[in-house]
PDB file of N, CA and C in Angstrom:
ATOM      1  N   MET A   1      93.212 100.829 113.266  1.00  0.00           N
ATOM      2  CA  MET A   1      93.206  99.600 112.167  1.00  0.00           C
ATOM      3  C   MET A   1      94.551  99.794 111.619  1.00  0.00           C
ATOM      4  N   ALA A   2      95.276  98.531 111.746  1.00  0.00           N
ATOM      5  CA  ALA A   2      96.657  98.873 111.236  1.00  0.00           C
ATOM      6  C   ALA A   2      96.680  98.223 110.009  1.00  0.00           C
ATOM      7  N   THR A   3      97.431  98.982 109.127  1.00  0.00           N
ATOM      8  CA  THR A   3      97.298  98.491 107.738  1.00  0.00           C
ATOM      9  C   THR A   3      98.928  98.089 107.297  1.00  0.00           C
ATOM     10  N   SER A   4      98.765  97.229 106.511  1.00  0.00           N
ATOM     11  CA  SER A   4      99.946  96.314 105.984  1.00  0.00           C
ATOM     12  C   SER A   4     101.097  97.251 105.495  1.00  0.00           C
ATOM     13  N   PRO A   5     102.340  96.635 105.740  1.00  0.00           N
ATOM     14  CA  PRO A   5     103.576  97.463 105.219  1.00  0.00           C
ATOM     15  C   PRO A   5     103.433  97.633 103.347  1.00  0.00           C
ATOM     16  N   ALA A   6     102.521  96.431 103.075  1.00  0.00           N
ATOM     17  CA  ALA A   6     102.280  96.191 101.567  1.00  0.00           C
ATOM     18  C   ALA A   6     101.514  97.480 101.022  1.00  0.00           C
ATOM     19  N   LYS A   7     100.240  97.920 101.666  1.00  0.00           N
ATOM     20  CA  LYS A   7      99.299  98.775 101.733  1.00  0.00           C
ATOM     21  C   LYS A   7      99.925  99.992 101.709  1.00  0.00           C
ATOM     22  N   TRP A   8     100.962 100.351 102.464  1.00  0.00           N
ATOM     23  CA  TRP A   8     101.736 101.751 102.507  1.00  0.00           C
ATOM     24  C   TRP A   8     102.890 101.791 101.481  1.00  0.00           C
ATOM     25  N   ALA A   9     103.423 100.463 100.743  1.00  0.00           N
ATOM     26  CA  ALA A   9     104.410 100.654  99.858  1.00  0.00           C
ATOM     27  C   ALA A   9     103.529 100.728  98.328  1.00  0.00           C
ATOM     28  N   SER A  10     102.126 100.076  98.498  1.00  0.00           N
ATOM     29  CA  SER A  10     101.104 100.591  97.145  1.00  0.00           C
ATOM     30  C   SER A  10     101.000 102.180  97.004  1.00  0.00           C
ATOM     31  N   LEU A  11     100.607 102.421  98.236  1.00  0.00           N
ATOM     32  CA  LEU A  11     100.184 104.066  98.419  1.00  0.00           C
ATOM     33  C   LEU A  11     101.585 104.922  97.952  1.00  0.00           C
ATOM     34  N   ALA A  12     102.907 104.404  98.637  1.00  0.00           N
ATOM     35  CA  ALA A  12     103.779 105.212  98.118  1.00  0.00           C
ATOM     36  C   ALA A  12     104.066 105.354  96.640  1.00  0.00           C
ATOM     37  N   LEU A  13     104.125 103.848  95.859  1.00  0.00           N
ATOM     38  CA  LEU A  13     104.513 104.105  94.708  1.00  0.00           C
ATOM     39  C   LEU A  13     103.310 104.955  93.867  1.00  0.00           C
ATOM     40  N   LEU A  14     101.938 104.901  94.319  1.00  0.00           N
ATOM     41  CA  LEU A  14     100.774 105.460  93.581  1.00  0.00           C
ATOM     42  C   LEU A  14     101.241 106.958  93.692  1.00  0.00           C
ATOM     43  N   VAL A  15     101.725 107.381  94.810  1.00  0.00           N
ATOM     44  CA  VAL A  15     102.216 109.115  95.201  1.00  0.00           C
ATOM     45  C   VAL A  15     103.400 109.523  94.427  1.00  0.00           C
ATOM     46  N   ALA A  16     104.404 108.357  94.066  1.00  0.00           N
ATOM     47  CA  ALA A  16     105.571 108.711  93.536  1.00  0.00           C
ATOM     48  C   ALA A  16     105.406 108.961  91.996  1.00  0.00           C
ATOM     49  N   ALA A  17     104.409 108.186  91.652  1.00  0.00           N
ATOM     50  CA  ALA A  17     103.974 107.630  90.112  1.00  0.00           C
ATOM     51  C   ALA A  17     103.324 109.171  89.338  1.00  0.00           C
ATOM     52  N   SER A  18     102.339 109.536  90.559  1.00  0.00           N
ATOM     53  CA  SER A  18     101.367 110.632  90.486  1.00  0.00           C
ATOM     54  C   SER A  18     102.499 112.140  90.478  1.00  0.00           C
ATOM     55  N   VAL A  19     103.028 112.188  91.342  1.00  0.00           N
ATOM     56  CA  VAL A  19     104.102 113.154  91.625  1.00  0.00           C
ATOM     57  C   VAL A  19     105.062 113.580  90.305  1.00  0.00           C
ATOM     58  N   ALA A  20     105.547 112.618  89.922  1.00  0.00           N
ATOM     59  CA  ALA A  20     106.761 112.579  88.881  1.00  0.00           C
ATOM     60  C   ALA A  20     105.982 112.282  87.309  1.00  0.00           C
ATOM     61  N   THR A  21     104.921 112.531  87.227  1.00  0.00           N
ATOM     62  CA  THR A  21     104.046 112.639  86.019  1.00  0.00           C
ATOM     63  C   THR A  21     103.630 114.274  86.331  1.00  0.00           C
ATOM     64  N   ALA A  22     102.889 114.510  87.095  1.00  0.00           N
ATOM     65  CA  ALA A  22     102.272 115.657  87.457  1.00  0.00           C
ATOM     66  C   ALA A  22     103.087 116.552  87.376  1.00  0.00           C
ATOM     67  N   GLY A  23     104.758 116.479  87.963  1.00  0.00           N
ATOM     68  CA  GLY A  23     105.505 117.940  88.070  1.00  0.00           C
ATOM     69  C   GLY A  23     105.895 118.265  86.873  1.00  0.00           C
ATOM     70  N   PRO A  24     106.536 117.264  85.652  1.00  0.00           N
ATOM     71  CA  PRO A  24     106.865 117.944  84.295  1.00  0.00           C
ATOM     72  C   PRO A  24     105.891 118.314  83.562  1.00  0.00           C
ATOM     73  N   THR A  25     104.551 117.720  83.511  1.00  0.00           N
ATOM     74  CA  THR A  25     103.352 118.314  82.728  1.00  0.00           C
ATOM     75  C   THR A  25     102.848 119.993  83.429  1.00  0.00           C
ATOM     76  N   LEU A  26     103.088 119.995  84.667  1.00  0.00           N
ATOM     77  CA  LEU A  26     102.436 121.035  85.351  1.00  0.00           C
ATOM     78  C   LEU A  26     103.819 122.316  85.051  1.00  0.00           C
ATOM     79  N   ILE A  27     105.057 121.763  84.619  1.00  0.00           N
ATOM     80  CA  ILE A  27     106.209 122.877  84.467  1.00  0.00           C
ATOM     81  C   ILE A  27     105.653 123.258  83.210  1.00  0.00           C
ATOM     82  N   ALA A  28     105.440 121.907  82.147  1.00  0.00           N
ATOM     83  CA  ALA A  28     105.206 122.356  80.978  1.00  0.00           C
ATOM     84  C   ALA A  28     104.057 123.329  80.522  1.00  0.00           C
ATOM     85  N   LEU A  29     103.184 123.535  81.238  1.00  0.00           N
ATOM     86  CA  LEU A  29     101.794 124.204  80.868  1.00  0.00           C
ATOM     87  C   LEU A  29     102.582 125.525  81.562  1.00  0.00           C
ATOM     88  N   VAL A  30     103.272 125.466  82.551  1.00  0.00           N
ATOM     89  CA  VAL A  30     103.516 127.164  83.084  1.00  0.00           C
ATOM     90  C   VAL A  30     104.686 127.720  82.359  1.00  0.00           C
ATOM     91  N   ALA A  31     105.444 127.043  81.320  1.00  0.00           N
ATOM     92  CA  ALA A  31     106.419 127.404  80.850  1.00  0.00           C
ATOM     93  C   ALA A  31     105.653 127.649  79.109  1.00  0.00           C
ATOM     94  N   TYR A  32     104.416 127.177  78.892  1.00  0.00           N
ATOM     95  CA  TYR A  32     103.837 127.377  77.788  1.00  0.00           C
ATOM     96  C   TYR A  32     103.247 128.835  77.991  1.00  0.00           C
ATOM     97  N   ARG A  33     102.543 128.656  79.272  1.00  0.00           N
ATOM     98  CA  ARG A  33     101.616 129.935  79.165  1.00  0.00           C
ATOM     99  C   ARG A  33     103.113 131.279  79.008  1.00  0.00           C
ATOM    100  N   LEU A  34     104.119 131.207  79.814  1.00  0.00           N
ATOM    101  CA  LEU A  34     105.010 132.361  79.834  1.00  0.00           C
ATOM    102  C   LEU A  34     105.608 132.338  78.396  1.00  0.00           C
ATOM    103  N   ARG A  35     105.437 131.519  77.519  1.00  0.00           N
ATOM    104  CA  ARG A  35     105.952 131.715  75.984  1.00  0.00           C
ATOM    105  C   ARG A  35     107.025 131.109  75.659  1.00  0.00           C
ATOM    106  N   LEU A  36     107.468 129.822  76.385  1.00  0.00           N
ATOM    107  CA  LEU A  36     108.883 129.193  76.671  1.00  0.00           C
ATOM    108  C   LEU A  36     108.618 127.782  75.769  1.00  0.00           C
ATOM    109  N   VAL A  37     108.342 128.249  74.670  1.00  0.00           N
ATOM    110  CA  VAL A  37     107.882 127.106  73.653  1.00  0.00           C
ATOM    111  C   VAL A  37     108.547 125.761  73.557  1.00  0.00           C
ATOM    112  N   ARG A  38     110.154 125.809  73.394  1.00  0.00           N
ATOM    113  CA  ARG A  38     111.037 124.856  73.664  1.00  0.00           C
ATOM    114  C   ARG A  38     110.880 124.289  75.068  1.00  0.00           C
ATOM    115  N   THR A  39     111.202 124.984  76.185  1.00  0.00           N
ATOM    116  CA  THR A  39     111.052 124.229  77.328  1.00  0.00           C
ATOM    117  C   THR A  39     109.794 123.835  77.602  1.00  0.00           C
ATOM    118  N   ALA A  40     108.465 124.288  77.270  1.00  0.00           N
ATOM    119  CA  ALA A  40     107.076 123.668  77.552  1.00  0.00           C
ATOM    120  C   ALA A  40     107.259 121.909  76.550  1.00  0.00           C
ATOM    121  N   ALA A  41     107.777 121.779  75.499  1.00  0.00           N
ATOM    122  CA  ALA A  41     108.089 120.780  74.752  1.00  0.00           C
ATOM    123  C   ALA A  41     108.871 119.763  75.085  1.00  0.00           C
ATOM    124  N   VAL A  42     110.142 120.529  75.978  1.00  0.00           N
ATOM    125  CA  VAL A  42     111.127 119.535  76.316  1.00  0.00           C
ATOM    126  C   VAL A  42     110.146 118.680  77.736  1.00  0.00           C
ATOM    127  N   PHE A  43     109.469 119.463  78.492  1.00  0.00           N
ATOM    128  CA  PHE A  43     108.829 118.924  80.118  1.00  0.00           C
ATOM    129  C   PHE A  43     107.872 118.385  79.729  1.00  0.00           C
ATOM    130  N   LEU A  44     107.121 118.208  78.321  1.00  0.00           N
ATOM    131  CA  LEU A  44     106.047 117.968  78.069  1.00  0.00           C
ATOM    132  C   LEU A  44     106.444 116.217  77.214  1.00  0.00           C
ATOM    133  N   VAL A  45     107.783 116.425  76.832  1.00  0.00           N
ATOM    134  CA  VAL A  45     108.188 114.745  76.447  1.00  0.00           C
ATOM    135  C   VAL A  45     108.573 114.343  77.590  1.00  0.00           C
ATOM    136  N   LEU A  46     109.326 115.121  78.662  1.00  0.00           N
ATOM    137  CA  LEU A  46     109.923 114.112  79.643  1.00  0.00           C
ATOM    138  C   LEU A  46     108.497 113.804  80.300  1.00  0.00           C
ATOM    139  N   ALA A  47     107.410 114.054  80.394  1.00  0.00           N
ATOM    140  CA  ALA A  47     106.456 113.638  81.388  1.00  0.00           C
ATOM    141  C   ALA A  47     105.907 112.656  80.699  1.00  0.00           C
ATOM    142  N   ILE A  48     105.812 112.920  79.123  1.00  0.00           N
ATOM    143  CA  ILE A  48     105.275 111.444  78.451  1.00  0.00           C
ATOM    144  C   ILE A  48     106.427 110.171  78.401  1.00  0.00           C
ATOM    145  N   VAL A  49     107.507 110.463  78.735  1.00  0.00           N
ATOM    146  CA  VAL A  49     108.552 109.460  78.932  1.00  0.00           C
ATOM    147  C   VAL A  49     108.273 109.154  80.234  1.00  0.00           C
ATOM    148  N   ILE A  50     107.868 109.534  81.240  1.00  0.00           N
ATOM    149  CA  ILE A  50     108.181 109.096  82.627  1.00  0.00           C
ATOM    150  C   ILE A  50     106.348 108.423  82.895  1.00  0.00           C
ATOM    151  N   ALA A  51     105.497 108.520  82.243  1.00  0.00           N
ATOM    152  CA  ALA A  51     104.036 108.667  82.444  1.00  0.00           C
ATOM    153  C   ALA A  51     104.000 107.026  81.721  1.00  0.00           C
ATOM    154  N   VAL A  52     104.914 106.317  80.558  1.00  0.00           N
ATOM    155  CA  VAL A  52     104.594 105.651  80.001  1.00  0.00           C
ATOM    156  C   VAL A  52     104.900 104.105  80.992  1.00  0.00           C
ATOM    157  N   PRO A  53     106.180 104.120  81.886  1.00  0.00           N
ATOM    158  CA  PRO A  53     106.050 103.264  82.799  1.00  0.00           C
ATOM    159  C   PRO A  53     105.304 103.642  83.954  1.00  0.00           C
ATOM    160  N   ALA A  54     105.336 105.007  84.282  1.00  0.00           N
ATOM    161  CA  ALA A  54     104.494 105.086  85.745  1.00  0.00           C
ATOM    162  C   ALA A  54     102.984 104.594  85.735  1.00  0.00           C
ATOM    163  N   VAL A  55     102.704 104.651  84.657  1.00  0.00           N
ATOM    164  CA  VAL A  55     100.853 104.768  84.673  1.00  0.00           C
ATOM    165  C   VAL A  55     100.500 103.017  84.944  1.00  0.00           C
ATOM    166  N   PRO A  56     101.011 102.155  84.241  1.00  0.00           N
ATOM    167  CA  PRO A  56     100.919 100.829  84.774  1.00  0.00           C
ATOM    168  C   PRO A  56     101.216 100.418  86.126  1.00  0.00           C
ATOM    169  N   PHE A  57     102.254 101.140  86.647  1.00  0.00           N
ATOM    170  CA  PHE A  57     102.551 101.098  88.039  1.00  0.00           C
ATOM    171  C   PHE A  57     101.542 101.470  89.174  1.00  0.00           C
ATOM    172  N   ALA A  58     100.975 102.330  88.707  1.00  0.00           N
ATOM    173  CA  ALA A  58      99.936 103.439  89.273  1.00  0.00           C
ATOM    174  C   ALA A  58      98.546 102.621  89.134  1.00  0.00           C
ATOM    175  N   VAL A  59      98.340 101.640  88.326  1.00  0.00           N
ATOM    176  CA  VAL A  59      97.353 100.975  88.024  1.00  0.00           C
ATOM    177  C   VAL A  59      97.334 100.026  89.252  1.00  0.00           C
ATOM    178  N   LEU A  60      98.511  99.346  88.960  1.00  0.00           N
ATOM    179  CA  LEU A  60      98.716  98.134  89.927  1.00  0.00           C
ATOM    180  C   LEU A  60      98.475  98.438  91.555  1.00  0.00           C
ATOM    181  N   ALA A  61      99.176  99.743  91.694  1.00  0.00           N
ATOM    182  CA  ALA A  61      99.215 100.313  93.242  1.00  0.00           C
ATOM    183  C   ALA A  61      97.627 100.568  93.364  1.00  0.00           C
ATOM    184  N   GLY A  62      96.898 100.771  92.622  1.00  0.00           N
ATOM    185  CA  GLY A  62      95.392 101.060  92.689  1.00  0.00           C
ATOM    186  C   GLY A  62      94.895  99.983  93.096  1.00  0.00           C
ATOM    187  N   ARG A  63      95.064  99.015  92.301  1.00  0.00           N
ATOM    188  CA  ARG A  63      94.375  97.523  92.664  1.00  0.00           C
ATOM    189  C   ARG A  63      94.490  96.897  94.223  1.00  0.00           C
ATOM    190  N   ASP A  64      95.790  97.451  94.439  1.00  0.00           N
ATOM    191  CA  ASP A  64      96.402  96.918  96.143  1.00  0.00           C
ATOM    192  C   ASP A  64      95.845  97.463  97.053  1.00  0.00           C
ATOM    193  N   LEU A  65      95.522  99.033  96.774  1.00  0.00           N
ATOM    194  CA  LEU A  65      94.555  99.435  97.378  1.00  0.00           C
ATOM    195  C   LEU A  65      92.946  99.510  97.703  1.00  0.00           C
ATOM    196  N   ALA A  66      92.862  98.963  96.685  1.00  0.00           N
ATOM    197  CA  ALA A  66      91.156  98.757  96.767  1.00  0.00           C
ATOM    198  C   ALA A  66      90.808  97.602  97.199  1.00  0.00           C
ATOM    199  N   PRO A  67      89.542  97.577  98.134  1.00  0.00           N
ATOM    200  CA  PRO A  67      89.349  96.613  98.848  1.00  0.00           C
ATOM    201  C   PRO A  67      88.891  95.145  98.094  1.00  0.00           C
ATOM    202  N   ALA A  68      89.274  94.093  98.688  1.00  0.00           N
ATOM    203  CA  ALA A  68      88.483  92.755  98.145  1.00  0.00           C
ATOM    204  C   ALA A  68      87.491  92.842  97.864  1.00  0.00           C
ATOM    205  N   PRO A  69      86.570  92.203  97.097  1.00  0.00           N
ATOM    206  CA  PRO A  69      85.390  91.666  97.264  1.00  0.00           C
ATOM    207  C   PRO A  69      85.089  90.672  98.461  1.00  0.00           C
ATOM    208  N   ALA A  70      83.744  91.007  98.554  1.00  0.00           N
ATOM    209  CA  ALA A  70      83.533  89.738  99.857  1.00  0.00           C
ATOM    210  C   ALA A  70      83.532  88.606  99.432  1.00  0.00           C
ATOM    211  N   ALA A  71      83.650  87.636 100.032  1.00  0.00           N
ATOM    212  CA  ALA A  71      83.942  86.302  99.783  1.00  0.00           C
ATOM    213  C   ALA A  71      82.128  85.889  99.936  1.00  0.00           C
ATOM    214  N   THR A  72      81.918  85.362  99.064  1.00  0.00           N
ATOM    215  CA  THR A  72      80.405  85.050  98.761  1.00  0.00           C
ATOM    216  C   THR A  72      80.107  83.510  99.123  1.00  0.00           C
ATOM    217  N   THR A  73      79.369  82.968  99.528  1.00  0.00           N
ATOM    218  CA  THR A  73      78.826  81.232 100.473  1.00  0.00           C
ATOM    219  C   THR A  73      78.058  81.039  99.652  1.00  0.00           C
ATOM    220  N   PRO A  74      77.971  79.609  98.782  1.00  0.00           N
ATOM    221  CA  PRO A  74      77.316  79.604  97.871  1.00  0.00           C
ATOM    222  C   PRO A  74      75.643  78.794  98.673  1.00  0.00           C
ATOM    223  N   GLY A  75      75.036  79.358  97.770  1.00  0.00           N
ATOM    224  CA  GLY A  75      73.690  78.694  98.466  1.00  0.00           C
ATOM    225  C   GLY A  75      73.085  77.434  98.275  1.00  0.00           C
ATOM    226  N   PRO A  76      72.063  77.474  98.634  1.00  0.00           N
ATOM    227  CA  PRO A  76      71.395  75.804  98.031  1.00  0.00           C
ATOM    228  C   PRO A  76      71.092  75.672  96.701  1.00  0.00           C
ATOM    229  N   PRO A  77      71.088  74.657  95.919  1.00  0.00           N
ATOM    230  CA  PRO A  77      71.146  74.258  94.666  1.00  0.00           C
ATOM    231  C   PRO A  77      69.452  74.743  94.247  1.00  0.00           C
ATOM    232  N   GLY A  78      69.521  75.135  92.930  1.00  0.00           N
ATOM    233  CA  GLY A  78      68.153  75.474  92.670  1.00  0.00           C
ATOM    234  C   GLY A  78      67.280  74.106  92.140  1.00  0.00           C
ATOM    235  N   TYR A  79      67.609  72.974  92.537  1.00  0.00           N
ATOM    236  CA  TYR A  79      66.846  71.921  92.047  1.00  0.00           C
ATOM    237  C   TYR A  79      67.057  71.013  93.038  1.00  0.00           C
ATOM    238  N   CYS A  80      66.183  69.702  92.829  1.00  0.00           N
ATOM    239  CA  CYS A  80      66.161  68.870  94.101  1.00  0.00           C
ATOM    240  C   CYS A  80      67.365  67.761  94.228  1.00  0.00           C
ATOM    241  N   VAL A  81      67.828  67.575  95.004  1.00  0.00           N
ATOM    242  CA  VAL A  81      69.229  66.605  95.586  1.00  0.00           C
ATOM    243  C   VAL A  81      68.470  65.379  96.101  1.00  0.00           C
ATOM    244  N   GLU A  82      68.799  64.031  95.647  1.00  0.00           N
ATOM    245  CA  GLU A  82      68.347  62.834  96.211  1.00  0.00           C
ATOM    246  C   GLU A  82      69.411  62.767  97.715  1.00  0.00           C
ATOM    247  N   HIS A  83      69.336  62.205  98.479  1.00  0.00           N
ATOM    248  CA  HIS A  83      70.437  61.713  99.467  1.00  0.00           C
ATOM    249  C   HIS A  83      70.216  60.278  99.441  1.00  0.00           C
ATOM    250  N   SER A  84      70.920  59.963 100.108  1.00  0.00           N
ATOM    251  CA  SER A  84      71.034  58.343 100.707  1.00  0.00           C
ATOM    252  C   SER A  84      70.147  57.877 101.458  1.00  0.00           C
ATOM    253  N   GLY A  85      70.001  56.758 101.482  1.00  0.00           N
ATOM    254  CA  GLY A  85      68.292  56.296 102.237  1.00  0.00           C
ATOM    255  C   GLY A  85      67.413  56.369 101.982  1.00  0.00           C
ATOM    256  N   GLY A  86      67.179  56.495 100.773  1.00  0.00           N
ATOM    257  CA  GLY A  86      65.695  56.785 100.357  1.00  0.00           C
ATOM    258  C   GLY A  86      64.735  58.218 100.739  1.00  0.00           C
ATOM    259  N   ASP A  87      65.444  58.879 101.513  1.00  0.00           N
ATOM    260  CA  ASP A  87      64.697  59.858 101.871  1.00  0.00           C
ATOM    261  C   ASP A  87      64.716  60.941 101.158  1.00  0.00           C
ATOM    262  N   THR A  88      63.960  61.280 100.329  1.00  0.00           N
ATOM    263  CA  THR A  88      63.943  62.438  99.482  1.00  0.00           C
ATOM    264  C   THR A  88      63.022  63.841  99.902  1.00  0.00           C
ATOM    265  N   ARG A  89      63.479  64.850 100.172  1.00  0.00           N
ATOM    266  CA  ARG A  89      62.558  66.074 100.900  1.00  0.00           C
ATOM    267  C   ARG A  89      62.662  67.290 100.060  1.00  0.00           C
ATOM    268  N   CYS A  90      62.008  66.783  98.785  1.00  0.00           N
ATOM    269  CA  CYS A  90      62.093  68.041  97.659  1.00  0.00           C
ATOM    270  C   CYS A  90      60.624  68.798  97.713  1.00  0.00           C
ATOM    271  N   PRO A  91      60.741  70.134  97.560  1.00  0.00           N
ATOM    272  CA  PRO A  91      59.534  71.036  97.664  1.00  0.00           C
ATOM    273  C   PRO A  91      59.053  70.320  96.624  1.00  0.00           C
ATOM    274  N   GLY A  92      57.349  69.997  96.732  1.00  0.00           N
ATOM    275  CA  GLY A  92      56.483  69.810  96.006  1.00  0.00           C
ATOM    276  C   GLY A  92      56.380  67.928  95.418  1.00  0.00           C
ATOM    277  N   GLY A  93      57.338  67.504  95.983  1.00  0.00           N
ATOM    278  CA  GLY A  93      57.367  65.978  95.759  1.00  0.00           C
ATOM    279  C   GLY A  93      58.410  65.319  95.977  1.00  0.00           C
TER     280      GLY A  93
END
């Protein structure tokens, strides 16, 4: 099954946005656990600054990776439709 280059680009963008946001967040958590409060605050601010533009890109990339809904074909009308030529074949009359 071949995938298009656009799918690979969307996947790469999604991974890059996730890593760019998760990295500083993880460092902030570890720094806080080690009682390095200033370092934790700096990396938490950095994570927020990176997440603000990264989240919309990740949402768009996720939409590109999701399969498109199946196309639906319209069914017959729910009412009687008259055809030219005087021939009407409607259920019930």
